[in-house]
């Protein structure tokens, strides 16, 4: 569940923010 959620969220982040995050990145984990 978490890994799949991270991958989908990262695609959205890449489109919206122009960058992806490491799955353990503190800002990304907080966003999730």
ModelCIF file with pLDDT and N, C-alpha, C, O atoms, coordinates in Angstrom:
data_MODEL
#
_entry.id   MODEL 
#
_entity.id                         1 
_entity.type                       polymer 
_entity.pdbx_number_of_molecules   1 
#
_entity_poly.entity_id                      1 
_entity_poly.type                           'polypeptide(L)' 
_entity_poly.nstd_linkage                   no 
_entity_poly.nstd_monomer                   no 
_entity_poly.pdbx_seq_one_letter_code       
;(UNK)(UNK)(UNK)(UNK)(UNK)(UNK)(UNK)(UNK)(UNK)(UNK)(UNK)(UNK)(UNK)(UNK)(UNK)(UNK)
(UNK)(UNK)(UNK)(UNK)(UNK)(UNK)(UNK)(UNK)(UNK)(UNK)(UNK)(UNK)(UNK)(UNK)(UNK)(UNK)
;
_entity_poly.pdbx_seq_one_letter_code_can   XXXXXXXXXXXXXXXXXXXXXXXXXXXXXXXX 
_entity_poly.pdbx_strand_id                 A 
#
loop_
_entity_poly_seq.entity_id 
_entity_poly_seq.num 
_entity_poly_seq.mon_id 
_entity_poly_seq.hetero 
1 1  UNK n 
1 2  UNK n 
1 3  UNK n 
1 4  UNK n 
1 5  UNK n 
1 6  UNK n 
1 7  UNK n 
1 8  UNK n 
1 9  UNK n 
1 10 UNK n 
1 11 UNK n 
1 12 UNK n 
1 13 UNK n 
1 14 UNK n 
1 15 UNK n 
1 16 UNK n 
1 17 UNK n 
1 18 UNK n 
1 19 UNK n 
1 20 UNK n 
1 21 UNK n 
1 22 UNK n 
1 23 UNK n 
1 24 UNK n 
1 25 UNK n 
1 26 UNK n 
1 27 UNK n 
1 28 UNK n 
1 29 UNK n 
1 30 UNK n 
1 31 UNK n 
1 32 UNK n 
#
_struct_asym.id          A 
_struct_asym.entity_id   1 
#
loop_
_ma_qa_metric.id 
_ma_qa_metric.mode 
_ma_qa_metric.name 
_ma_qa_metric.software_group_id 
_ma_qa_metric.type 
1 global pLDDT . pLDDT 
2 local  pLDDT . pLDDT 
#
_ma_qa_metric_global.metric_id      1 
_ma_qa_metric_global.metric_value   93.47 
_ma_qa_metric_global.model_id       1 
_ma_qa_metric_global.ordinal_id     1 
#
loop_
_ma_qa_metric_local.label_asym_id 
_ma_qa_metric_local.label_comp_id 
_ma_qa_metric_local.label_seq_id 
_ma_qa_metric_local.metric_id 
_ma_qa_metric_local.metric_value 
_ma_qa_metric_local.model_id 
_ma_qa_metric_local.ordinal_id 
A UNK 1  2 92.00 1 1  
A UNK 2  2 91.00 1 2  
A UNK 3  2 94.00 1 3  
A UNK 4  2 95.00 1 4  
A UNK 5  2 94.00 1 5  
A UNK 6  2 95.00 1 6  
A UNK 7  2 96.00 1 7  
A UNK 8  2 95.00 1 8  
A UNK 9  2 95.00 1 9  
A UNK 10 2 95.00 1 10 
A UNK 11 2 94.00 1 11 
A UNK 12 2 93.00 1 12 
A UNK 13 2 94.00 1 13 
A UNK 14 2 92.00 1 14 
A UNK 15 2 91.00 1 15 
A UNK 16 2 92.00 1 16 
A UNK 17 2 93.00 1 17 
A UNK 18 2 90.00 1 18 
A UNK 19 2 92.00 1 19 
A UNK 20 2 93.00 1 20 
A UNK 21 2 95.00 1 21 
A UNK 22 2 94.00 1 22 
A UNK 23 2 94.00 1 23 
A UNK 24 2 92.00 1 24 
A UNK 25 2 94.00 1 25 
A UNK 26 2 94.00 1 26 
A UNK 27 2 93.00 1 27 
A UNK 28 2 94.00 1 28 
A UNK 29 2 94.00 1 29 
A UNK 30 2 94.00 1 30 
A UNK 31 2 93.00 1 31 
A UNK 32 2 94.00 1 32 
#
loop_
_atom_site.group_PDB 
_atom_site.id 
_atom_site.type_symbol 
_atom_site.label_atom_id 
_atom_site.label_alt_id 
_atom_site.label_comp_id 
_atom_site.label_asym_id 
_atom_site.label_entity_id 
_atom_site.label_seq_id 
_atom_site.pdbx_PDB_ins_code 
_atom_site.Cartn_x 
_atom_site.Cartn_y 
_atom_site.Cartn_z 
_atom_site.occupancy 
_atom_site.B_iso_or_equiv 
_atom_site.pdbx_formal_charge 
_atom_site.auth_seq_id 
_atom_site.auth_comp_id 
_atom_site.auth_asym_id 
_atom_site.auth_atom_id 
_atom_site.pdbx_PDB_model_num 
ATOM 1   N N  . UNK A 1 1  ? 0.820  -1.221 0.000   1.00 92.00 ? 1  UNK A N  1 
ATOM 2   C CA . UNK A 1 1  ? 0.000  0.000  0.000   1.00 92.00 ? 1  UNK A CA 1 
ATOM 3   C C  . UNK A 1 1  ? 0.849  1.264  0.000   1.00 92.00 ? 1  UNK A C  1 
ATOM 4   O O  . UNK A 1 1  ? 0.661  2.153  -0.831  1.00 92.00 ? 1  UNK A O  1 
ATOM 5   N N  . UNK A 1 2  ? 1.798  1.335  0.954   1.00 91.00 ? 2  UNK A N  1 
ATOM 6   C CA . UNK A 1 2  ? 2.568  2.579  1.095   1.00 91.00 ? 2  UNK A CA 1 
ATOM 7   C C  . UNK A 1 2  ? 3.465  2.818  -0.120  1.00 91.00 ? 2  UNK A C  1 
ATOM 8   O O  . UNK A 1 2  ? 3.552  3.942  -0.615  1.00 91.00 ? 2  UNK A O  1 
ATOM 9   N N  . UNK A 1 3  ? 4.126  1.773  -0.599  1.00 94.00 ? 3  UNK A N  1 
ATOM 10  C CA . UNK A 1 3  ? 5.037  1.936  -1.735  1.00 94.00 ? 3  UNK A CA 1 
ATOM 11  C C  . UNK A 1 3  ? 4.270  2.361  -2.992  1.00 94.00 ? 3  UNK A C  1 
ATOM 12  O O  . UNK A 1 3  ? 4.732  3.214  -3.750  1.00 94.00 ? 3  UNK A O  1 
ATOM 13  N N  . UNK A 1 4  ? 3.100  1.760  -3.204  1.00 95.00 ? 4  UNK A N  1 
ATOM 14  C CA . UNK A 1 4  ? 2.295  2.136  -4.368  1.00 95.00 ? 4  UNK A CA 1 
ATOM 15  C C  . UNK A 1 4  ? 1.790  3.570  -4.243  1.00 95.00 ? 4  UNK A C  1 
ATOM 16  O O  . UNK A 1 4  ? 1.766  4.320  -5.219  1.00 95.00 ? 4  UNK A O  1 
ATOM 17  N N  . UNK A 1 5  ? 1.388  3.941  -3.028  1.00 94.00 ? 5  UNK A N  1 
ATOM 18  C CA . UNK A 1 5  ? 0.927  5.312  -2.793  1.00 94.00 ? 5  UNK A CA 1 
ATOM 19  C C  . UNK A 1 5  ? 2.053  6.305  -3.061  1.00 94.00 ? 5  UNK A C  1 
ATOM 20  O O  . UNK A 1 5  ? 1.839  7.365  -3.649  1.00 94.00 ? 5  UNK A O  1 
ATOM 21  N N  . UNK A 1 6  ? 3.255  5.943  -2.620  1.00 95.00 ? 6  UNK A N  1 
ATOM 22  C CA . UNK A 1 6  ? 4.419  6.809  -2.857  1.00 95.00 ? 6  UNK A CA 1 
ATOM 23  C C  . UNK A 1 6  ? 4.671  6.996  -4.350  1.00 95.00 ? 6  UNK A C  1 
ATOM 24  O O  . UNK A 1 6  ? 4.941  8.107  -4.806  1.00 95.00 ? 6  UNK A O  1 
ATOM 25  N N  . UNK A 1 7  ? 4.582  5.916  -5.101  1.00 96.00 ? 7  UNK A N  1 
ATOM 26  C CA . UNK A 1 7  ? 4.878  5.998  -6.535  1.00 96.00 ? 7  UNK A CA 1 
ATOM 27  C C  . UNK A 1 7  ? 3.861  6.879  -7.254  1.00 96.00 ? 7  UNK A C  1 
ATOM 28  O O  . UNK A 1 7  ? 4.234  7.711  -8.082  1.00 96.00 ? 7  UNK A O  1 
ATOM 29  N N  . UNK A 1 8  ? 2.577  6.699  -6.940  1.00 95.00 ? 8  UNK A N  1 
ATOM 30  C CA . UNK A 1 8  ? 1.534  7.525  -7.568  1.00 95.00 ? 8  UNK A CA 1 
ATOM 31  C C  . UNK A 1 8  ? 1.708  8.988  -7.163  1.00 95.00 ? 8  UNK A C  1 
ATOM 32  O O  . UNK A 1 8  ? 1.625  9.887  -8.000  1.00 95.00 ? 8  UNK A O  1 
ATOM 33  N N  . UNK A 1 9  ? 1.949  9.215  -5.875  1.00 95.00 ? 9  UNK A N  1 
ATOM 34  C CA . UNK A 1 9  ? 2.122  10.586 -5.382  1.00 95.00 ? 9  UNK A CA 1 
ATOM 35  C C  . UNK A 1 9  ? 3.336  11.254 -6.007  1.00 95.00 ? 9  UNK A C  1 
ATOM 36  O O  . UNK A 1 9  ? 3.317  12.455 -6.279  1.00 95.00 ? 9  UNK A O  1 
ATOM 37  N N  . UNK A 1 10 ? 4.381  10.487 -6.235  1.00 95.00 ? 10 UNK A N  1 
ATOM 38  C CA . UNK A 1 10 ? 5.583  11.053 -6.831  1.00 95.00 ? 10 UNK A CA 1 
ATOM 39  C C  . UNK A 1 10 ? 5.369  11.468 -8.281  1.00 95.00 ? 10 UNK A C  1 
ATOM 40  O O  . UNK A 1 10 ? 5.952  12.451 -8.739  1.00 95.00 ? 10 UNK A O  1 
ATOM 41  N N  . UNK A 1 11 ? 4.537  10.728 -9.004  1.00 94.00 ? 11 UNK A N  1 
ATOM 42  C CA . UNK A 1 11 ? 4.217  11.137 -10.378 1.00 94.00 ? 11 UNK A CA 1 
ATOM 43  C C  . UNK A 1 11 ? 3.489  12.477 -10.344 1.00 94.00 ? 11 UNK A C  1 
ATOM 44  O O  . UNK A 1 11 ? 3.767  13.369 -11.146 1.00 94.00 ? 11 UNK A O  1 
ATOM 45  N N  . UNK A 1 12 ? 2.554  12.606 -9.402  1.00 93.00 ? 12 UNK A N  1 
ATOM 46  C CA . UNK A 1 12 ? 1.819  13.867 -9.262  1.00 93.00 ? 12 UNK A CA 1 
ATOM 47  C C  . UNK A 1 12 ? 2.770  14.994 -8.858  1.00 93.00 ? 12 UNK A C  1 
ATOM 48  O O  . UNK A 1 12 ? 2.688  16.099 -9.393  1.00 93.00 ? 12 UNK A O  1 
ATOM 49  N N  . UNK A 1 13 ? 3.676  14.713 -7.908  1.00 94.00 ? 13 UNK A N  1 
ATOM 50  C CA . UNK A 1 13 ? 4.663  15.718 -7.487  1.00 94.00 ? 13 UNK A CA 1 
ATOM 51  C C  . UNK A 1 13 ? 5.542  16.138 -8.651  1.00 94.00 ? 13 UNK A C  1 
ATOM 52  O O  . UNK A 1 13 ? 5.867  17.317 -8.791  1.00 94.00 ? 13 UNK A O  1 
ATOM 53  N N  . UNK A 1 14 ? 5.928  15.190 -9.481  1.00 92.00 ? 14 UNK A N  1 
ATOM 54  C CA . UNK A 1 14 ? 6.774  15.486 -10.628 1.00 92.00 ? 14 UNK A CA 1 
ATOM 55  C C  . UNK A 1 14 ? 6.068  16.427 -11.605 1.00 92.00 ? 14 UNK A C  1 
ATOM 56  O O  . UNK A 1 14 ? 6.683  17.337 -12.160 1.00 92.00 ? 14 UNK A O  1 
ATOM 57  N N  . UNK A 1 15 ? 4.778  16.196 -11.805 1.00 91.00 ? 15 UNK A N  1 
ATOM 58  C CA . UNK A 1 15 ? 4.002  17.035 -12.721 1.00 91.00 ? 15 UNK A CA 1 
ATOM 59  C C  . UNK A 1 15 ? 3.739  18.413 -12.123 1.00 91.00 ? 15 UNK A C  1 
ATOM 60  O O  . UNK A 1 15 ? 3.884  19.430 -12.801 1.00 91.00 ? 15 UNK A O  1 
ATOM 61  N N  . UNK A 1 16 ? 3.349  18.439 -10.843 1.00 92.00 ? 16 UNK A N  1 
ATOM 62  C CA . UNK A 1 16 ? 2.952  19.696 -10.211 1.00 92.00 ? 16 UNK A CA 1 
ATOM 63  C C  . UNK A 1 16 ? 4.160  20.513 -9.758  1.00 92.00 ? 16 UNK A C  1 
ATOM 64  O O  . UNK A 1 16 ? 4.232  21.712 -10.025 1.00 92.00 ? 16 UNK A O  1 
ATOM 65  N N  . UNK A 1 17 ? 5.109  19.868 -9.074  1.00 93.00 ? 17 UNK A N  1 
ATOM 66  C CA . UNK A 1 17 ? 6.239  20.575 -8.480  1.00 93.00 ? 17 UNK A CA 1 
ATOM 67  C C  . UNK A 1 17 ? 7.518  20.492 -9.317  1.00 93.00 ? 17 UNK A C  1 
ATOM 68  O O  . UNK A 1 17 ? 8.474  21.227 -9.071  1.00 93.00 ? 17 UNK A O  1 
ATOM 69  N N  . UNK A 1 18 ? 7.530  19.593 -10.308 1.00 90.00 ? 18 UNK A N  1 
ATOM 70  C CA . UNK A 1 18 ? 8.708  19.463 -11.152 1.00 90.00 ? 18 UNK A CA 1 
ATOM 71  C C  . UNK A 1 18 ? 9.802  18.602 -10.563 1.00 90.00 ? 18 UNK A C  1 
ATOM 72  O O  . UNK A 1 18 ? 10.931 18.618 -11.052 1.00 90.00 ? 18 UNK A O  1 
ATOM 73  N N  . UNK A 1 19 ? 9.483  17.841 -9.505  1.00 92.00 ? 19 UNK A N  1 
ATOM 74  C CA . UNK A 1 19 ? 10.504 16.974 -8.902  1.00 92.00 ? 19 UNK A CA 1 
ATOM 75  C C  . UNK A 1 19 ? 9.829  15.828 -8.164  1.00 92.00 ? 19 UNK A C  1 
ATOM 76  O O  . UNK A 1 19 ? 8.681  15.928 -7.730  1.00 92.00 ? 19 UNK A O  1 
ATOM 77  N N  . UNK A 1 20 ? 10.570 14.743 -8.036  1.00 93.00 ? 20 UNK A N  1 
ATOM 78  C CA . UNK A 1 20 ? 10.115 13.607 -7.243  1.00 93.00 ? 20 UNK A CA 1 
ATOM 79  C C  . UNK A 1 20 ? 10.879 13.594 -5.926  1.00 93.00 ? 20 UNK A C  1 
ATOM 80  O O  . UNK A 1 20 ? 11.877 14.298 -5.770  1.00 93.00 ? 20 UNK A O  1 
ATOM 81  N N  . UNK A 1 21 ? 10.402 12.786 -4.977  1.00 95.00 ? 21 UNK A N  1 
ATOM 82  C CA . UNK A 1 21 ? 11.038 12.694 -3.666  1.00 95.00 ? 21 UNK A CA 1 
ATOM 83  C C  . UNK A 1 21 ? 11.440 11.255 -3.378  1.00 95.00 ? 21 UNK A C  1 
ATOM 84  O O  . UNK A 1 21 ? 10.786 10.313 -3.827  1.00 95.00 ? 21 UNK A O  1 
ATOM 85  N N  . UNK A 1 22 ? 12.518 11.097 -2.629  1.00 94.00 ? 22 UNK A N  1 
ATOM 86  C CA . UNK A 1 22 ? 12.870 9.776  -2.123  1.00 94.00 ? 22 UNK A CA 1 
ATOM 87  C C  . UNK A 1 22 ? 11.761 9.311  -1.189  1.00 94.00 ? 22 UNK A C  1 
ATOM 88  O O  . UNK A 1 22 ? 11.172 10.117 -0.468  1.00 94.00 ? 22 UNK A O  1 
ATOM 89  N N  . UNK A 1 23 ? 11.475 7.999  -1.202  1.00 94.00 ? 23 UNK A N  1 
ATOM 90  C CA . UNK A 1 23 ? 10.357 7.489  -0.409  1.00 94.00 ? 23 UNK A CA 1 
ATOM 91  C C  . UNK A 1 23 ? 10.546 7.702  1.091   1.00 94.00 ? 23 UNK A C  1 
ATOM 92  O O  . UNK A 1 23 ? 9.585  7.626  1.856   1.00 94.00 ? 23 UNK A O  1 
ATOM 93  N N  . UNK A 1 24 ? 11.777 7.965  1.508   1.00 92.00 ? 24 UNK A N  1 
ATOM 94  C CA . UNK A 1 24 ? 12.043 8.185  2.935   1.00 92.00 ? 24 UNK A CA 1 
ATOM 95  C C  . UNK A 1 24 ? 12.297 9.665  3.251   1.00 92.00 ? 24 UNK A C  1 
ATOM 96  O O  . UNK A 1 24 ? 12.594 10.013 4.393   1.00 92.00 ? 24 UNK A O  1 
ATOM 97  N N  . UNK A 1 25 ? 12.181 10.522 2.251   1.00 94.00 ? 25 UNK A N  1 
ATOM 98  C CA . UNK A 1 25 ? 12.356 11.958 2.465   1.00 94.00 ? 25 UNK A CA 1 
ATOM 99  C C  . UNK A 1 25 ? 11.353 12.463 3.506   1.00 94.00 ? 25 UNK A C  1 
ATOM 100 O O  . UNK A 1 25 ? 10.159 12.182 3.407   1.00 94.00 ? 25 UNK A O  1 
ATOM 101 N N  . UNK A 1 26 ? 11.838 13.207 4.500   1.00 94.00 ? 26 UNK A N  1 
ATOM 102 C CA . UNK A 1 26 ? 10.974 13.622 5.613   1.00 94.00 ? 26 UNK A CA 1 
ATOM 103 C C  . UNK A 1 26 ? 9.805  14.485 5.138   1.00 94.00 ? 26 UNK A C  1 
ATOM 104 O O  . UNK A 1 26 ? 8.679  14.306 5.602   1.00 94.00 ? 26 UNK A O  1 
ATOM 105 N N  . UNK A 1 27 ? 10.061 15.420 4.221   1.00 93.00 ? 27 UNK A N  1 
ATOM 106 C CA . UNK A 1 27 ? 8.982  16.270 3.712   1.00 93.00 ? 27 UNK A CA 1 
ATOM 107 C C  . UNK A 1 27 ? 7.947  15.443 2.959   1.00 93.00 ? 27 UNK A C  1 
ATOM 108 O O  . UNK A 1 27 ? 6.744  15.680 3.066   1.00 93.00 ? 27 UNK A O  1 
ATOM 109 N N  . UNK A 1 28 ? 8.437  14.471 2.196   1.00 94.00 ? 28 UNK A N  1 
ATOM 110 C CA . UNK A 1 28 ? 7.526  13.631 1.413   1.00 94.00 ? 28 UNK A CA 1 
ATOM 111 C C  . UNK A 1 28 ? 6.695  12.731 2.320   1.00 94.00 ? 28 UNK A C  1 
ATOM 112 O O  . UNK A 1 28 ? 5.492  12.577 2.108   1.00 94.00 ? 28 UNK A O  1 
ATOM 113 N N  . UNK A 1 29 ? 7.332  12.133 3.333   1.00 94.00 ? 29 UNK A N  1 
ATOM 114 C CA . UNK A 1 29 ? 6.609  11.286 4.286   1.00 94.00 ? 29 UNK A CA 1 
ATOM 115 C C  . UNK A 1 29 ? 5.539  12.105 5.011   1.00 94.00 ? 29 UNK A C  1 
ATOM 116 O O  . UNK A 1 29 ? 4.422  11.635 5.222   1.00 94.00 ? 29 UNK A O  1 
ATOM 117 N N  . UNK A 1 30 ? 5.898  13.341 5.391   1.00 94.00 ? 30 UNK A N  1 
ATOM 118 C CA . UNK A 1 30 ? 4.929  14.211 6.070   1.00 94.00 ? 30 UNK A CA 1 
ATOM 119 C C  . UNK A 1 30 ? 3.758  14.536 5.142   1.00 94.00 ? 30 UNK A C  1 
ATOM 120 O O  . UNK A 1 30 ? 2.608  14.584 5.579   1.00 94.00 ? 30 UNK A O  1 
ATOM 121 N N  . UNK A 1 31 ? 4.062  14.765 3.834   1.00 93.00 ? 31 UNK A N  1 
ATOM 122 C CA . UNK A 1 31 ? 3.013  15.044 2.852   1.00 93.00 ? 31 UNK A CA 1 
ATOM 123 C C  . UNK A 1 31 ? 2.088  13.844 2.694   1.00 93.00 ? 31 UNK A C  1 
ATOM 124 O O  . UNK A 1 31 ? 0.869  14.009 2.641   1.00 93.00 ? 31 UNK A O  1 
ATOM 125 N N  . UNK A 1 32 ? 2.647  12.640 2.619   1.00 94.00 ? 32 UNK A N  1 
ATOM 126 C CA . UNK A 1 32 ? 1.852  11.422 2.491   1.00 94.00 ? 32 UNK A CA 1 
ATOM 127 C C  . UNK A 1 32 ? 0.938  11.240 3.700   1.00 94.00 ? 32 UNK A C  1 
ATOM 128 O O  . UNK A 1 32 ? 0.191  10.265 3.768   1.00 94.00 ? 32 UNK A O  1 
#
